[in-house]
Amino acid sequence: MPTVAFTNAGAVQMTAEAVEAEFDRQLATLVHHGYPSLANMTEIPFRRLIEPLRDRVHAAMPLIEPTRERVPFIIVIGTSLVPVTKTMPLTSLGGGRGFVSPDTADIDTFEPVESIELSDPRAYVIFDVDRGHETLGVRPNDALRIVVAKGRSPLTAAEGVAFITQFPNSLEKNHCFQLLGSRCGDKRVPGLWISERRPKLGFCWAGNLHTWLGAASCASRS
């Protein structure tokens, strides 16, 4: 599969051709990983479902070229179509397959927080996605206030998995991220980090801090 080339610059705008190529790359990645089958669809209907999002991405320009910290957009397949317990094992890092921690085996029961509204939860795009450098070492409850104060929205578990599916190298040692947009009524906050050299979906407590976990967020959804 084609891989993304990160830029070292902080604010280089993507050309329309680069945006088109990146959309094609992400769609091809989903097909390669078998998302159509997981969604109980064949490839052509799956592509037809995703294709209208292309116009949404172009309408959001200008977009900034991806860095490890921040990427312009990500295609998300929602949990109403494919649950997180099915998509997380498709992620990988350095050849190691992703997994869901046994203590987070109920991740499919987590719901988006009240502030997150999805007009079509099957498939959508999130824009200006950031893994949360400034919230490293900040308690999730406090990090959420920082994210919201900036007019941004915390990522859900499905969106976090989409992030590392398309940009696996954004998950780095000492710089992983929590997903404050998914909760299940208790004090657990889902997060993605590296365990045994593999991507792991687990949880932390909302009141605890970890120096190596930020709060991932996006500017908008479409």
C-alpha atoms as a PDB file:
ATOM      1  CA  MET A   1       0.000   0.000   0.000  1.00  0.00           C
ATOM      2  CA  PRO A   2       1.197   3.564  -0.644  1.00  0.00           C
ATOM      3  CA  THR A   3       2.396   5.336   2.470  1.00  0.00           C
ATOM      4  CA  VAL A   4       2.115   8.987   3.388  1.00  0.00           C
ATOM      5  CA  ALA A   5       5.197  11.188   3.148  1.00  0.00           C
ATOM      6  CA  PHE A   6       5.318  13.502   6.137  1.00  0.00           C
ATOM      7  CA  THR A   7       6.547  17.019   5.632  1.00  0.00           C
ATOM      8  CA  ASN A   8       8.973  18.635   8.071  1.00  0.00           C
ATOM      9  CA  ALA A   9       7.479  22.044   7.469  1.00  0.00           C
ATOM     10  CA  GLY A  10       4.794  23.327   9.783  1.00  0.00           C
ATOM     11  CA  ALA A  11       2.298  24.957   7.420  1.00  0.00           C
ATOM     12  CA  VAL A  12       2.702  23.888   3.807  1.00  0.00           C
ATOM     13  CA  GLN A  13      -0.561  24.008   1.905  1.00  0.00           C
ATOM     14  CA  MET A  14      -1.594  21.002  -0.162  1.00  0.00           C
ATOM     15  CA  THR A  15      -2.342  21.425  -3.835  1.00  0.00           C
ATOM     16  CA  ALA A  16      -5.642  20.180  -5.241  1.00  0.00           C
ATOM     17  CA  GLU A  17      -3.727  17.336  -6.879  1.00  0.00           C
ATOM     18  CA  ALA A  18      -2.143  16.354  -3.572  1.00  0.00           C
ATOM     19  CA  VAL A  19      -5.530  16.375  -1.840  1.00  0.00           C
ATOM     20  CA  GLU A  20      -6.954  14.170  -4.577  1.00  0.00           C
ATOM     21  CA  ALA A  21      -4.052  11.738  -4.274  1.00  0.00           C
ATOM     22  CA  GLU A  22      -4.378  11.607  -0.495  1.00  0.00           C
ATOM     23  CA  PHE A  23      -8.106  10.874  -0.699  1.00  0.00           C
ATOM     24  CA  ASP A  24      -7.388   8.063  -3.176  1.00  0.00           C
ATOM     25  CA  ARG A  25      -4.669   6.689  -0.876  1.00  0.00           C
ATOM     26  CA  GLN A  26      -6.955   6.588   2.137  1.00  0.00           C
ATOM     27  CA  LEU A  27      -9.782   4.952   0.232  1.00  0.00           C
ATOM     28  CA  ALA A  28      -7.381   2.363  -1.201  1.00  0.00           C
ATOM     29  CA  THR A  29      -6.106   1.644   2.325  1.00  0.00           C
ATOM     30  CA  LEU A  30      -9.632   0.933   3.560  1.00  0.00           C
ATOM     31  CA  VAL A  31     -10.316  -1.389   0.636  1.00  0.00           C
ATOM     32  CA  HIS A  32      -6.953  -3.118   1.119  1.00  0.00           C
ATOM     33  CA  HIS A  33      -7.745  -3.770   4.785  1.00  0.00           C
ATOM     34  CA  GLY A  34     -11.045  -5.388   3.901  1.00  0.00           C
ATOM     35  CA  TYR A  35     -13.458  -2.743   5.139  1.00  0.00           C
ATOM     36  CA  PRO A  36     -16.045  -3.504   2.425  1.00  0.00           C
ATOM     37  CA  SER A  37     -16.372  -7.077   3.670  1.00  0.00           C
ATOM     38  CA  LEU A  38     -16.534  -5.972   7.304  1.00  0.00           C
ATOM     39  CA  ALA A  39     -19.358  -3.621   6.342  1.00  0.00           C
ATOM     40  CA  ASN A  40     -21.170  -6.492   4.597  1.00  0.00           C
ATOM     41  CA  MET A  41     -20.663  -4.781   1.255  1.00  0.00           C
ATOM     42  CA  THR A  42     -18.813  -5.508  -1.951  1.00  0.00           C
ATOM     43  CA  GLU A  43     -16.116  -3.094  -3.060  1.00  0.00           C
ATOM     44  CA  ILE A  44     -18.149  -1.070  -5.578  1.00  0.00           C
ATOM     45  CA  PRO A  45     -21.003  -0.108  -3.186  1.00  0.00           C
ATOM     46  CA  PHE A  46     -18.418   0.655  -0.514  1.00  0.00           C
ATOM     47  CA  ARG A  47     -16.577   3.017  -2.827  1.00  0.00           C
ATOM     48  CA  ARG A  48     -19.895   4.641  -3.779  1.00  0.00           C
ATOM     49  CA  LEU A  49     -20.569   5.263  -0.087  1.00  0.00           C
ATOM     50  CA  ILE A  50     -17.204   6.983   0.392  1.00  0.00           C
ATOM     51  CA  GLU A  51     -16.975   8.868  -2.899  1.00  0.00           C
ATOM     52  CA  PRO A  52     -19.282  11.822  -1.993  1.00  0.00           C
ATOM     53  CA  LEU A  53     -16.835  12.705   0.779  1.00  0.00           C
ATOM     54  CA  ARG A  54     -14.294  13.689  -1.876  1.00  0.00           C
ATOM     55  CA  ASP A  55     -16.226  16.899  -2.612  1.00  0.00           C
ATOM     56  CA  ARG A  56     -16.406  17.668   1.118  1.00  0.00           C
ATOM     57  CA  VAL A  57     -12.620  17.429   1.331  1.00  0.00           C
ATOM     58  CA  HIS A  58     -12.036  19.716  -1.632  1.00  0.00           C
ATOM     59  CA  ALA A  59     -14.556  22.192  -0.225  1.00  0.00           C
ATOM     60  CA  ALA A  60     -12.510  22.373   2.982  1.00  0.00           C
ATOM     61  CA  MET A  61      -9.372  23.615   1.226  1.00  0.00           C
ATOM     62  CA  PRO A  62      -6.888  25.087   1.910  1.00  0.00           C
ATOM     63  CA  LEU A  63      -5.509  22.109   3.799  1.00  0.00           C
ATOM     64  CA  ILE A  64      -2.073  21.684   5.346  1.00  0.00           C
ATOM     65  CA  GLU A  65       0.276  18.848   4.389  1.00  0.00           C
ATOM     66  CA  PRO A  66       0.477  16.074   6.999  1.00  0.00           C
ATOM     67  CA  THR A  67       3.063  15.937   9.759  1.00  0.00           C
ATOM     68  CA  ARG A  68       3.356  13.301  12.478  1.00  0.00           C
ATOM     69  CA  GLU A  69       1.620  15.711  14.842  1.00  0.00           C
ATOM     70  CA  ARG A  70      -1.162  16.995  12.616  1.00  0.00           C
ATOM     71  CA  VAL A  71      -2.871  15.735   9.453  1.00  0.00           C
ATOM     72  CA  PRO A  72      -5.299  17.505   7.092  1.00  0.00           C
ATOM     73  CA  PHE A  73      -8.159  15.012   6.979  1.00  0.00           C
ATOM     74  CA  ILE A  74      -9.071  11.402   7.674  1.00  0.00           C
ATOM     75  CA  ILE A  75     -11.853   9.238   6.248  1.00  0.00           C
ATOM     76  CA  VAL A  76     -13.683   7.589   9.146  1.00  0.00           C
ATOM     77  CA  ILE A  77     -15.837   4.476   8.952  1.00  0.00           C
ATOM     78  CA  GLY A  78     -18.307   4.803  11.796  1.00  0.00           C
ATOM     79  CA  THR A  79     -19.174   2.154  14.345  1.00  0.00           C
ATOM     80  CA  SER A  80     -22.697   1.869  12.939  1.00  0.00           C
ATOM     81  CA  LEU A  81     -21.047   0.243   9.921  1.00  0.00           C
ATOM     82  CA  VAL A  82     -17.996  -1.503  11.424  1.00  0.00           C
ATOM     83  CA  PRO A  83     -17.310  -1.774  15.195  1.00  0.00           C
ATOM     84  CA  VAL A  84     -13.982  -0.771  16.707  1.00  0.00           C
ATOM     85  CA  THR A  85     -13.297  -4.328  17.841  1.00  0.00           C
ATOM     86  CA  LYS A  86     -13.183  -5.269  14.150  1.00  0.00           C
ATOM     87  CA  THR A  87     -11.094  -2.324  12.914  1.00  0.00           C
ATOM     88  CA  MET A  88      -8.451  -2.103  15.650  1.00  0.00           C
ATOM     89  CA  PRO A  89      -6.897  -5.517  14.777  1.00  0.00           C
ATOM     90  CA  LEU A  90      -6.374  -4.222  11.221  1.00  0.00           C
ATOM     91  CA  THR A  91      -3.981  -1.518  12.414  1.00  0.00           C
ATOM     92  CA  SER A  92      -0.263  -2.168  12.536  1.00  0.00           C
ATOM     93  CA  LEU A  93       3.033  -0.570  13.448  1.00  0.00           C
ATOM     94  CA  GLY A  94       6.357  -1.948  12.335  1.00  0.00           C
ATOM     95  CA  GLY A  95       4.657  -5.213  11.439  1.00  0.00           C
ATOM     96  CA  GLY A  96       2.983  -5.638  14.829  1.00  0.00           C
ATOM     97  CA  ARG A  97      -0.796  -5.958  14.686  1.00  0.00           C
ATOM     98  CA  GLY A  98      -3.022  -3.729  16.782  1.00  0.00           C
ATOM     99  CA  PHE A  99      -5.189  -5.147  19.556  1.00  0.00           C
ATOM    100  CA  VAL A 100      -7.866  -4.203  22.054  1.00  0.00           C
ATOM    101  CA  SER A 101      -6.876  -4.575  25.695  1.00  0.00           C
ATOM    102  CA  PRO A 102      -8.967  -7.169  27.575  1.00  0.00           C
ATOM    103  CA  ASP A 103      -9.964  -4.497  30.099  1.00  0.00           C
ATOM    104  CA  THR A 104     -11.428  -2.458  27.235  1.00  0.00           C
ATOM    105  CA  ALA A 105     -13.184  -5.349  25.503  1.00  0.00           C
ATOM    106  CA  ASP A 106     -16.477  -3.465  25.852  1.00  0.00           C
ATOM    107  CA  ILE A 107     -15.228  -0.570  23.677  1.00  0.00           C
ATOM    108  CA  ASP A 108     -18.121  -1.109  21.245  1.00  0.00           C
ATOM    109  CA  THR A 109     -20.522   0.016  23.983  1.00  0.00           C
ATOM    110  CA  PHE A 110     -18.807   3.411  24.259  1.00  0.00           C
ATOM    111  CA  GLU A 111     -20.766   6.272  22.703  1.00  0.00           C
ATOM    112  CA  PRO A 112     -19.729   9.695  21.336  1.00  0.00           C
ATOM    113  CA  VAL A 113     -19.995  12.412  23.965  1.00  0.00           C
ATOM    114  CA  GLU A 114     -23.020  14.683  23.778  1.00  0.00           C
ATOM    115  CA  SER A 115     -21.240  17.490  21.907  1.00  0.00           C
ATOM    116  CA  ILE A 116     -20.433  15.240  18.913  1.00  0.00           C
ATOM    117  CA  GLU A 117     -23.167  15.072  16.287  1.00  0.00           C
ATOM    118  CA  LEU A 118     -22.873  12.957  13.144  1.00  0.00           C
ATOM    119  CA  SER A 119     -25.319  13.512  10.297  1.00  0.00           C
ATOM    120  CA  ASP A 120     -24.297  10.190   8.720  1.00  0.00           C
ATOM    121  CA  PRO A 121     -22.426   7.978  11.208  1.00  0.00           C
ATOM    122  CA  ARG A 122     -21.608   5.345   8.586  1.00  0.00           C
ATOM    123  CA  ALA A 123     -18.823   7.296   6.881  1.00  0.00           C
ATOM    124  CA  TYR A 124     -17.550  10.854   7.251  1.00  0.00           C
ATOM    125  CA  VAL A 125     -14.411  12.985   7.247  1.00  0.00           C
ATOM    126  CA  ILE A 126     -12.645  14.694  10.134  1.00  0.00           C
ATOM    127  CA  PHE A 127     -10.466  17.729   9.405  1.00  0.00           C
ATOM    128  CA  ASP A 128      -7.290  19.207  10.892  1.00  0.00           C
ATOM    129  CA  VAL A 129      -6.584  16.234  13.141  1.00  0.00           C
ATOM    130  CA  ASP A 130      -4.049  16.775  15.938  1.00  0.00           C
ATOM    131  CA  ARG A 131      -2.633  14.172  18.318  1.00  0.00           C
ATOM    132  CA  GLY A 132      -2.424  16.653  21.194  1.00  0.00           C
ATOM    133  CA  HIS A 133       1.145  17.715  21.931  1.00  0.00           C
ATOM    134  CA  GLU A 134       0.083  20.546  24.220  1.00  0.00           C
ATOM    135  CA  THR A 135      -1.980  18.189  26.378  1.00  0.00           C
ATOM    136  CA  LEU A 136       0.783  15.664  27.056  1.00  0.00           C
ATOM    137  CA  GLY A 137       0.812  15.100  30.809  1.00  0.00           C
ATOM    138  CA  VAL A 138      -2.575  16.777  31.310  1.00  0.00           C
ATOM    139  CA  ARG A 139      -5.386  14.919  33.075  1.00  0.00           C
ATOM    140  CA  PRO A 140      -8.125  13.944  30.577  1.00  0.00           C
ATOM    141  CA  ASN A 141     -10.757  16.009  32.379  1.00  0.00           C
ATOM    142  CA  ASP A 142      -8.526  19.089  32.136  1.00  0.00           C
ATOM    143  CA  ALA A 143      -7.407  18.267  28.588  1.00  0.00           C
ATOM    144  CA  LEU A 144     -11.025  18.223  27.443  1.00  0.00           C
ATOM    145  CA  ARG A 145     -11.488  21.782  28.682  1.00  0.00           C
ATOM    146  CA  ILE A 146      -8.365  22.862  26.758  1.00  0.00           C
ATOM    147  CA  VAL A 147      -9.590  21.206  23.558  1.00  0.00           C
ATOM    148  CA  VAL A 148     -13.070  22.716  23.794  1.00  0.00           C
ATOM    149  CA  ALA A 149     -11.705  26.184  24.638  1.00  0.00           C
ATOM    150  CA  LYS A 150      -9.858  26.114  21.316  1.00  0.00           C
ATOM    151  CA  GLY A 151     -13.088  25.374  19.445  1.00  0.00           C
ATOM    152  CA  ARG A 152     -11.978  21.830  18.681  1.00  0.00           C
ATOM    153  CA  SER A 153     -13.584  18.451  19.318  1.00  0.00           C
ATOM    154  CA  PRO A 154     -12.069  15.352  20.972  1.00  0.00           C
ATOM    155  CA  LEU A 155     -11.641  12.279  18.812  1.00  0.00           C
ATOM    156  CA  THR A 156     -13.813   9.215  19.353  1.00  0.00           C
ATOM    157  CA  ALA A 157     -12.419   5.686  19.535  1.00  0.00           C
ATOM    158  CA  ALA A 158     -13.415   5.026  15.907  1.00  0.00           C
ATOM    159  CA  GLU A 159     -11.698   8.244  14.814  1.00  0.00           C
ATOM    160  CA  GLY A 160      -8.544   7.360  16.718  1.00  0.00           C
ATOM    161  CA  VAL A 161      -8.398   3.968  15.041  1.00  0.00           C
ATOM    162  CA  ALA A 162      -8.931   5.687  11.678  1.00  0.00           C
ATOM    163  CA  PHE A 163      -6.024   8.015  12.531  1.00  0.00           C
ATOM    164  CA  ILE A 164      -3.508   5.207  13.069  1.00  0.00           C
ATOM    165  CA  THR A 165      -4.949   3.164  10.201  1.00  0.00           C
ATOM    166  CA  GLN A 166      -4.069   5.931   7.754  1.00  0.00           C
ATOM    167  CA  PHE A 167      -1.081   7.437   9.619  1.00  0.00           C
ATOM    168  CA  PRO A 168       0.416   4.648  11.745  1.00  0.00           C
ATOM    169  CA  ASN A 169       3.677   6.512  12.332  1.00  0.00           C
ATOM    170  CA  SER A 170       1.796   9.253  14.165  1.00  0.00           C
ATOM    171  CA  LEU A 171       1.625   6.809  17.073  1.00  0.00           C
ATOM    172  CA  GLU A 172       5.073   7.156  18.648  1.00  0.00           C
ATOM    173  CA  LYS A 173       6.785   6.158  21.862  1.00  0.00           C
ATOM    174  CA  ASN A 174       6.285   8.916  24.436  1.00  0.00           C
ATOM    175  CA  HIS A 175       3.698  10.596  22.190  1.00  0.00           C
ATOM    176  CA  CYS A 176       0.507   8.587  22.048  1.00  0.00           C
ATOM    177  CA  PHE A 177      -3.009   9.900  22.571  1.00  0.00           C
ATOM    178  CA  GLN A 178      -6.310   9.593  24.374  1.00  0.00           C
ATOM    179  CA  LEU A 179      -9.749   9.603  22.755  1.00  0.00           C
ATOM    180  CA  LEU A 180     -11.907  11.786  24.975  1.00  0.00           C
ATOM    181  CA  GLY A 181     -14.816  11.757  22.521  1.00  0.00           C
ATOM    182  CA  SER A 182     -15.941   8.230  23.497  1.00  0.00           C
ATOM    183  CA  ARG A 183     -17.307   7.416  26.956  1.00  0.00           C
ATOM    184  CA  CYS A 184     -19.550   4.787  28.523  1.00  0.00           C
ATOM    185  CA  GLY A 185     -20.781   6.456  31.696  1.00  0.00           C
ATOM    186  CA  ASP A 186     -17.839   5.633  33.957  1.00  0.00           C
ATOM    187  CA  LYS A 187     -14.426   7.230  34.524  1.00  0.00           C
ATOM    188  CA  ARG A 188     -12.628   5.355  31.754  1.00  0.00           C
ATOM    189  CA  VAL A 189     -11.177   7.252  28.800  1.00  0.00           C
ATOM    190  CA  PRO A 190     -10.054   5.219  25.749  1.00  0.00           C
ATOM    191  CA  GLY A 191      -6.526   5.720  24.486  1.00  0.00           C
ATOM    192  CA  LEU A 192      -4.071   4.441  21.900  1.00  0.00           C
ATOM    193  CA  TRP A 193      -0.473   3.636  22.724  1.00  0.00           C
ATOM    194  CA  ILE A 194       2.285   1.143  21.930  1.00  0.00           C
ATOM    195  CA  SER A 195       2.551  -2.102  23.896  1.00  0.00           C
ATOM    196  CA  GLU A 196       4.850  -4.961  22.985  1.00  0.00           C
ATOM    197  CA  ARG A 197       5.705  -2.964  19.839  1.00  0.00           C
ATOM    198  CA  ARG A 198       2.079  -3.080  18.746  1.00  0.00           C
ATOM    199  CA  PRO A 199      -0.726  -0.508  18.717  1.00  0.00           C
ATOM    200  CA  LYS A 200      -2.952  -1.021  21.739  1.00  0.00           C
ATOM    201  CA  LEU A 201      -6.416   0.341  22.450  1.00  0.00           C
ATOM    202  CA  GLY A 202      -6.866   0.542  26.202  1.00  0.00           C
ATOM    203  CA  PHE A 203      -8.132   3.002  28.772  1.00  0.00           C
ATOM    204  CA  CYS A 204      -6.942   5.465  31.391  1.00  0.00           C
ATOM    205  CA  TRP A 205      -8.844   7.096  34.233  1.00  0.00           C
ATOM    206  CA  ALA A 206     -10.291  10.538  33.560  1.00  0.00           C
ATOM    207  CA  GLY A 207      -8.502  12.026  36.577  1.00  0.00           C
ATOM    208  CA  ASN A 208      -5.048  10.538  35.994  1.00  0.00           C
ATOM    209  CA  LEU A 209      -2.258  12.093  33.958  1.00  0.00           C
ATOM    210  CA  HIS A 210       0.373  10.417  31.795  1.00  0.00           C
ATOM    211  CA  THR A 211       3.323  12.348  30.392  1.00  0.00           C
ATOM    212  CA  TRP A 212       3.230  10.313  27.183  1.00  0.00           C
ATOM    213  CA  LEU A 213      -0.483  10.706  26.403  1.00  0.00           C
ATOM    214  CA  GLY A 214      -2.038  13.749  24.753  1.00  0.00           C
ATOM    215  CA  ALA A 215      -5.677  14.368  23.856  1.00  0.00           C
ATOM    216  CA  ALA A 216      -6.308  13.916  20.120  1.00  0.00           C
ATOM    217  CA  SER A 217      -8.782  16.312  18.516  1.00  0.00           C
ATOM    218  CA  CYS A 218     -10.145  17.604  15.234  1.00  0.00           C
ATOM    219  CA  ALA A 219     -11.349  20.976  14.005  1.00  0.00           C
ATOM    220  CA  SER A 220     -14.553  19.685  12.391  1.00  0.00           C
ATOM    221  CA  ARG A 221     -16.474  16.744  10.938  1.00  0.00           C
ATOM    222  CA  SER A 222     -18.324  16.507   7.639  1.00  0.00           C
END
